[in-house]
């Protein structure tokens, strides 16, 4: 397909047959999930938060829903990085002028296959963002499959390298706080099975990881009242019940028992917890790498892919 020939729609609506579950996927901007309403014991309810303009072309891509972050999630330490003996330049994006959230979350994708309850879409750097080809060591193709069930939304990701390159994946889900409208937002709890915390200065990693309890009482549940976070955690413990997605996190309203459950596969070895200043949501962001690295260090989670090699993972959001 030639640049400029993308004929996919901006938005795709999914509906789970025989239920009130529905989701909107912004294929025309990053293939992010903008909204998701799932069946629950309390009736159909939103499991995602987004600002009012998020589903319009003017919306900020990383401001709500579930943006997809690739080939780097979170920040890199500099707009100039080195790999394979050469330097390359990335666009600035955060408040410190550093690159943030990758090259695919703000670009049009292409619909490859669609049914009533699922959509498969694709982003190839050289096709869908040809102006950014020199911003990464090699071309790549990222495929996303969103599948909706009455009480669950699944995302399967597959990243294919077309040359030797560093690779990482991430997501930036926004879950509403409170979980149910009218509940006490400060009483809502987050449950994260993290055992390690990455100290930071100006949102870049400093030194080795330390016990998560040095920052917050993880693993376990923490009430959101008074908590302010934009911090990476790792050492994630798998769910003891042997669920297919071994890492399980929750946002819970203790008064009603209403819960949003987010689970992901073991490739996502780290997560960033972010409490936006507006306090209408909490972000539990699964990453395959600890963000903010100055080099593509495999000890931090970076994968170095040869041409034809892949990195993938699964993420699910559901109601308990």
Protein backbone atom coordinates (compact mmCIF):
# COMPACT_ATOMS: atom_id res chain seq x y z
CA UNK A 1 0.00 0.00 0.00
CA UNK A 2 1.34 3.43 -0.93
CA UNK A 3 1.61 6.17 1.73
CA UNK A 4 -1.62 8.12 1.91
CA UNK A 5 -3.71 5.19 0.61
CA UNK A 6 -5.04 4.03 3.98
CA UNK A 7 -8.81 3.65 3.59
CA UNK A 8 -9.57 2.16 7.02
CA UNK A 9 -12.14 3.97 9.19
CA UNK A 10 -11.11 6.17 12.09
CA UNK A 11 -13.27 4.19 14.52
CA UNK A 12 -14.56 0.60 14.68
CA UNK A 13 -17.40 -0.43 17.00
CA UNK A 14 -17.45 -3.92 18.54
CA UNK A 15 -20.52 -5.55 20.06
CA UNK A 16 -20.65 -8.84 21.97
CA UNK A 17 -23.64 -10.75 20.60
CA UNK A 18 -26.51 -11.20 23.04
CA UNK A 19 -25.15 -8.73 25.60
CA UNK A 20 -24.79 -5.03 26.31
CA UNK A 21 -20.99 -5.24 25.98
CA UNK A 22 -19.50 -2.84 23.45
CA UNK A 23 -16.14 -1.28 22.68
CA UNK A 24 -14.83 1.40 20.33
CA UNK A 25 -11.42 0.94 18.70
CA UNK A 26 -9.74 3.99 17.18
CA UNK A 27 -8.03 2.25 14.27
CA UNK A 28 -7.36 5.62 12.68
CA UNK A 29 -5.29 6.73 15.68
CA UNK A 30 -3.06 4.09 17.20
CA UNK A 31 -5.65 1.27 17.32
CA UNK A 32 -6.39 2.33 20.89
CA UNK A 33 -9.51 1.13 22.67
CA UNK A 34 -11.41 4.33 23.46
CA UNK A 35 -14.36 2.93 25.41
CA UNK A 36 -15.37 -0.46 26.80
CA UNK A 37 -18.65 -1.32 28.50
CA UNK A 38 -18.77 -4.83 29.97
CA UNK A 39 -21.39 -6.91 31.74
CA UNK A 40 -20.88 -7.13 35.52
CA UNK A 41 -22.78 -8.18 38.65
CA UNK A 42 -23.78 -4.49 38.95
CA UNK A 43 -25.00 -4.39 35.35
CA UNK A 44 -23.24 -2.97 32.26
CA UNK A 45 -20.51 -0.53 33.24
CA UNK A 46 -17.51 1.30 31.84
CA UNK A 47 -14.11 -0.19 32.61
CA UNK A 48 -12.20 2.62 30.87
CA UNK A 49 -12.02 6.38 31.28
CA UNK A 50 -11.31 8.97 28.58
CA UNK A 51 -11.82 12.72 28.20
CA UNK A 52 -14.81 13.95 26.23
CA UNK A 53 -12.84 14.66 23.04
CA UNK A 54 -10.85 11.42 23.03
CA UNK A 55 -12.86 9.75 20.25
CA UNK A 56 -12.39 12.73 17.92
CA UNK A 57 -9.34 13.26 15.70
CA UNK A 58 -8.40 16.20 17.95
CA UNK A 59 -8.09 14.02 21.06
CA UNK A 60 -4.66 13.49 22.63
CA UNK A 61 -3.67 9.87 21.83
CA UNK A 62 -2.33 8.97 25.28
CA UNK A 63 -5.00 10.79 27.33
CA UNK A 64 -7.48 7.93 27.88
CA UNK A 65 -8.72 4.49 26.91
CA UNK A 66 -6.01 1.90 26.20
CA UNK A 67 -3.28 3.27 23.91
CA UNK A 68 -0.78 0.78 22.42
CA UNK A 69 2.88 1.73 22.92
CA UNK A 70 5.58 0.43 20.54
CA UNK A 71 8.51 0.00 19.91
CA UNK A 72 9.18 1.67 23.27
CA UNK A 73 6.66 2.25 26.07
CA UNK A 74 7.08 5.17 28.43
CA UNK A 75 10.15 7.34 28.09
CA UNK A 76 13.57 6.99 26.58
CA UNK A 77 16.36 8.93 28.25
CA UNK A 78 17.23 11.04 25.21
CA UNK A 79 16.01 12.02 21.74
CA UNK A 80 19.34 10.64 20.45
CA UNK A 81 19.91 6.92 20.98
CA UNK A 82 22.56 4.54 19.69
CA UNK A 83 22.22 0.99 18.42
CA UNK A 84 24.34 -1.19 16.16
CA UNK A 85 27.04 1.44 15.80
CA UNK A 86 24.80 4.27 14.64
CA UNK A 87 22.80 7.08 16.18
CA UNK A 88 19.19 7.88 15.45
CA UNK A 89 16.89 10.71 16.48
CA UNK A 90 13.44 10.42 18.04
CA UNK A 91 10.75 13.08 18.47
CA UNK A 92 10.47 14.77 21.89
CA UNK A 93 7.19 14.31 23.72
CA UNK A 94 7.23 14.64 27.51
CA UNK A 95 7.64 17.70 29.73
CA UNK A 96 11.42 17.23 29.70
CA UNK A 97 11.67 17.02 25.90
CA UNK A 98 12.23 13.26 25.87
CA UNK A 99 10.69 10.66 23.53
CA UNK A 100 7.62 8.99 25.00
CA UNK A 101 5.23 6.14 24.13
CA UNK A 102 6.66 4.99 20.82
CA UNK A 103 5.93 5.57 17.14
CA UNK A 104 2.57 3.85 16.62
CA UNK A 105 0.10 5.28 19.15
CA UNK A 106 -0.61 8.49 17.23
CA UNK A 107 -0.66 7.08 13.68
CA UNK A 108 -3.36 5.54 11.47
CA UNK A 109 -3.45 1.74 11.36
CA UNK A 110 -5.06 -0.51 8.73
CA UNK A 111 -7.97 -2.89 9.32
CA UNK A 112 -7.00 -6.37 8.10
CA UNK A 113 -10.04 -8.32 9.29
CA UNK A 114 -13.22 -7.41 11.14
CA UNK A 115 -16.24 -9.21 12.62
CA UNK A 116 -18.98 -8.00 14.92
CA UNK A 117 -16.97 -8.69 18.08
CA UNK A 118 -13.34 -8.45 16.91
CA UNK A 119 -10.97 -6.46 14.75
CA UNK A 120 -7.46 -7.21 13.51
CA UNK A 121 -5.39 -4.20 12.52
CA UNK A 122 -1.82 -3.64 11.43
CA UNK A 123 0.81 -0.92 11.63
CA UNK A 124 3.98 -1.07 9.56
CA UNK A 125 6.47 1.70 10.23
CA UNK A 126 7.61 2.12 6.61
CA UNK A 127 4.02 2.11 5.29
CA UNK A 128 2.01 3.94 7.96
CA UNK A 129 4.67 6.36 9.24
CA UNK A 130 7.24 6.62 6.43
CA UNK A 131 8.51 9.93 7.80
CA UNK A 132 9.60 8.08 10.98
CA UNK A 133 11.52 5.21 9.35
CA UNK A 134 14.87 6.73 10.32
CA UNK A 135 13.73 7.12 13.94
CA UNK A 136 14.24 3.39 14.65
CA UNK A 137 17.04 0.95 13.76
CA UNK A 138 14.77 -1.23 11.57
CA UNK A 139 11.34 -1.41 10.05
CA UNK A 140 8.70 -3.42 11.92
CA UNK A 141 5.08 -4.56 11.73
CA UNK A 142 2.80 -4.52 14.76
CA UNK A 143 -0.46 -6.46 14.65
CA UNK A 144 -3.24 -6.00 17.21
CA UNK A 145 -6.35 -8.16 17.62
CA UNK A 146 -9.12 -6.81 19.87
CA UNK A 147 -11.77 -9.38 20.85
CA UNK A 148 -14.88 -8.52 22.88
CA UNK A 149 -16.81 -10.90 25.15
CA UNK A 150 -19.79 -10.03 27.37
CA UNK A 151 -17.62 -9.54 30.47
CA UNK A 152 -14.09 -9.29 28.99
CA UNK A 153 -12.02 -7.49 26.38
CA UNK A 154 -8.86 -9.16 25.06
CA UNK A 155 -5.92 -7.70 23.17
CA UNK A 156 -3.31 -9.84 21.40
CA UNK A 157 -0.16 -8.10 20.16
CA UNK A 158 2.46 -9.38 17.73
CA UNK A 159 5.55 -7.35 16.79
CA UNK A 160 7.57 -8.58 13.79
CA UNK A 161 11.04 -7.16 13.17
CA UNK A 162 12.14 -6.62 9.56
CA UNK A 163 15.74 -6.03 10.60
CA UNK A 164 17.87 -6.20 13.73
CA UNK A 165 16.32 -3.87 16.30
CA UNK A 166 15.55 -3.30 19.99
CA UNK A 167 11.93 -4.04 20.81
CA UNK A 168 9.47 -3.43 23.63
CA UNK A 169 5.71 -3.24 24.03
CA UNK A 170 3.41 -1.49 26.45
CA UNK A 171 -0.14 -0.33 27.13
CA UNK A 172 -1.52 2.73 28.92
CA UNK A 173 -4.98 1.75 30.27
CA UNK A 174 -7.07 4.34 32.13
CA UNK A 175 -9.52 2.81 34.62
CA UNK A 176 -12.27 5.02 36.07
CA UNK A 177 -12.11 6.12 39.69
CA UNK A 178 -14.47 5.51 41.34
CA UNK A 179 -15.22 2.14 39.75
CA UNK A 180 -18.95 2.86 40.00
CA UNK A 181 -20.30 6.38 39.70
CA UNK A 182 -21.21 7.86 43.07
CA UNK A 183 -18.76 5.78 45.12
CA UNK A 184 -15.93 7.35 47.10
CA UNK A 185 -12.91 7.70 44.78
CA UNK A 186 -10.44 7.95 47.68
CA UNK A 187 -11.68 4.66 49.11
CA UNK A 188 -11.11 2.78 45.85
CA UNK A 189 -8.20 0.37 46.05
CA UNK A 190 -5.53 -0.78 43.62
CA UNK A 191 -4.08 -4.26 43.94
CA UNK A 192 -0.69 -4.85 42.30
CA UNK A 193 1.47 -7.99 42.77
CA UNK A 194 4.76 -6.04 42.51
CA UNK A 195 7.74 -6.86 44.70
CA UNK A 196 10.29 -4.36 43.29
CA UNK A 197 10.32 -0.62 42.63
CA UNK A 198 12.58 1.41 40.31
CA UNK A 199 13.70 4.68 41.97
CA UNK A 200 13.65 7.70 39.67
CA UNK A 201 14.88 11.26 39.34
CA UNK A 202 12.99 13.48 36.88
CA UNK A 203 11.18 10.32 35.74
CA UNK A 204 14.37 8.49 34.73
CA UNK A 205 15.70 5.39 36.54
CA UNK A 206 18.39 5.86 39.18
CA UNK A 207 20.31 2.93 40.59
CA UNK A 208 19.04 -0.59 41.12
CA UNK A 209 15.49 -1.64 41.92
CA UNK A 210 14.53 -1.81 45.58
CA UNK A 211 11.71 -3.56 47.47
CA UNK A 212 8.33 -2.20 46.36
CA UNK A 213 7.48 -1.62 50.01
CA UNK A 214 10.10 1.16 50.05
CA UNK A 215 7.63 3.16 47.94
CA UNK A 216 4.18 1.71 48.70
CA UNK A 217 2.78 -1.36 50.43
CA UNK A 218 2.94 -3.74 47.45
CA UNK A 219 2.26 -6.55 46.87
CA UNK A 220 -1.25 -6.00 48.16
CA UNK A 221 -4.11 -3.49 48.14
CA UNK A 222 -3.68 0.25 48.59
CA UNK A 223 -6.42 2.89 48.88
CA UNK A 224 -6.04 5.68 46.32
CA UNK A 225 -6.77 8.51 48.74
CA UNK A 226 -3.66 10.68 49.02
CA UNK A 227 -1.64 8.49 46.63
CA UNK A 228 0.24 10.21 43.80
CA UNK A 229 2.28 8.02 41.47
CA UNK A 230 4.11 8.01 38.14
CA UNK A 231 6.45 5.14 38.95
CA UNK A 232 7.72 1.83 37.52
CA UNK A 233 7.41 -1.48 39.37
CA UNK A 234 8.64 -4.97 38.55
CA UNK A 235 9.12 -8.34 40.20
CA UNK A 236 5.49 -9.12 39.39
CA UNK A 237 4.06 -12.23 41.03
CA UNK A 238 1.81 -14.57 39.01
CA UNK A 239 -1.76 -15.22 40.08
CA UNK A 240 -1.90 -18.23 42.41
CA UNK A 241 -5.02 -19.69 40.76
CA UNK A 242 -3.12 -20.62 37.60
CA UNK A 243 -5.10 -18.29 35.32
CA UNK A 244 -3.96 -18.13 31.66
CA UNK A 245 -2.78 -14.54 32.18
CA UNK A 246 -0.39 -14.90 35.10
CA UNK A 247 -0.15 -11.24 36.20
CA UNK A 248 -3.42 -9.96 37.66
CA UNK A 249 -4.18 -6.46 38.94
CA UNK A 250 -7.42 -4.94 40.23
CA UNK A 251 -9.15 -1.65 40.93
CA UNK A 252 -11.86 -2.23 43.55
CA UNK A 253 -14.61 -0.25 45.24
CA UNK A 254 -14.69 -1.91 48.70
CA UNK A 255 -18.18 -0.59 49.53
CA UNK A 256 -19.87 -2.33 46.59
CA UNK A 257 -17.34 -5.00 45.68
CA UNK A 258 -17.27 -3.71 42.10
CA UNK A 259 -13.94 -4.56 40.51
CA UNK A 260 -12.04 -3.97 37.29
CA UNK A 261 -9.60 -6.82 36.70
CA UNK A 262 -6.65 -6.35 34.34
CA UNK A 263 -4.43 -9.32 33.51
CA UNK A 264 -1.51 -9.81 31.19
CA UNK A 265 0.93 -12.45 29.98
CA UNK A 266 4.42 -12.91 31.40
CA UNK A 267 6.12 -10.98 28.56
CA UNK A 268 4.94 -7.84 30.37
CA UNK A 269 7.44 -8.04 33.21
CA UNK A 270 6.98 -4.50 34.55
CA UNK A 271 4.24 -1.94 35.05
CA UNK A 272 3.98 1.80 35.55
CA UNK A 273 1.40 3.17 37.97
CA UNK A 274 0.15 6.64 37.16
CA UNK A 275 -2.43 8.74 38.94
CA UNK A 276 -3.41 11.57 36.55
CA UNK A 277 -3.71 15.03 38.12
CA UNK A 278 -7.45 15.13 37.35
CA UNK A 279 -7.92 12.09 39.67
CA UNK A 280 -10.74 10.69 37.51
CA UNK A 281 -8.77 7.58 36.63
CA UNK A 282 -5.85 5.40 37.60
CA UNK A 283 -3.45 3.93 35.04
CA UNK A 284 -1.97 0.45 35.51
CA UNK A 285 0.36 0.15 32.52
CA UNK A 286 1.92 -3.21 31.60
CA UNK A 287 5.36 -2.91 29.93
CA UNK A 288 7.82 -5.49 28.65
CA UNK A 289 10.67 -3.24 29.83
CA UNK A 290 11.46 -0.86 32.67
CA UNK A 291 11.14 2.55 30.94
CA UNK A 292 13.57 5.46 30.78
CA UNK A 293 16.71 3.51 29.90
CA UNK A 294 19.78 5.25 28.51
CA UNK A 295 20.76 2.11 26.57
CA UNK A 296 18.87 -0.87 25.17
CA UNK A 297 19.79 -3.03 28.15
CA UNK A 298 18.37 -6.56 28.04
CA UNK A 299 18.64 -6.69 31.85
CA UNK A 300 15.90 -4.04 31.95
CA UNK A 301 13.69 -6.08 29.62
CA UNK A 302 14.72 -4.91 26.15
CA UNK A 303 14.53 -7.63 23.49
CA UNK A 304 17.02 -7.51 20.62
CA UNK A 305 15.22 -9.03 17.65
CA UNK A 306 16.80 -10.28 14.44
CA UNK A 307 14.95 -9.92 11.15
CA UNK A 308 11.96 -12.27 11.23
CA UNK A 309 11.86 -12.57 15.03
CA UNK A 310 8.81 -11.59 17.06
CA UNK A 311 7.71 -10.18 20.41
CA UNK A 312 4.09 -10.60 21.51
CA UNK A 313 1.79 -10.65 24.49
CA UNK A 314 -1.82 -10.73 25.67
CA UNK A 315 -3.79 -8.30 27.82
CA UNK A 316 -7.33 -8.66 29.18
CA UNK A 317 -9.65 -6.36 31.09
CA UNK A 318 -12.74 -7.78 32.74
CA UNK A 319 -15.21 -7.41 35.59
CA UNK A 320 -15.16 -9.68 38.65
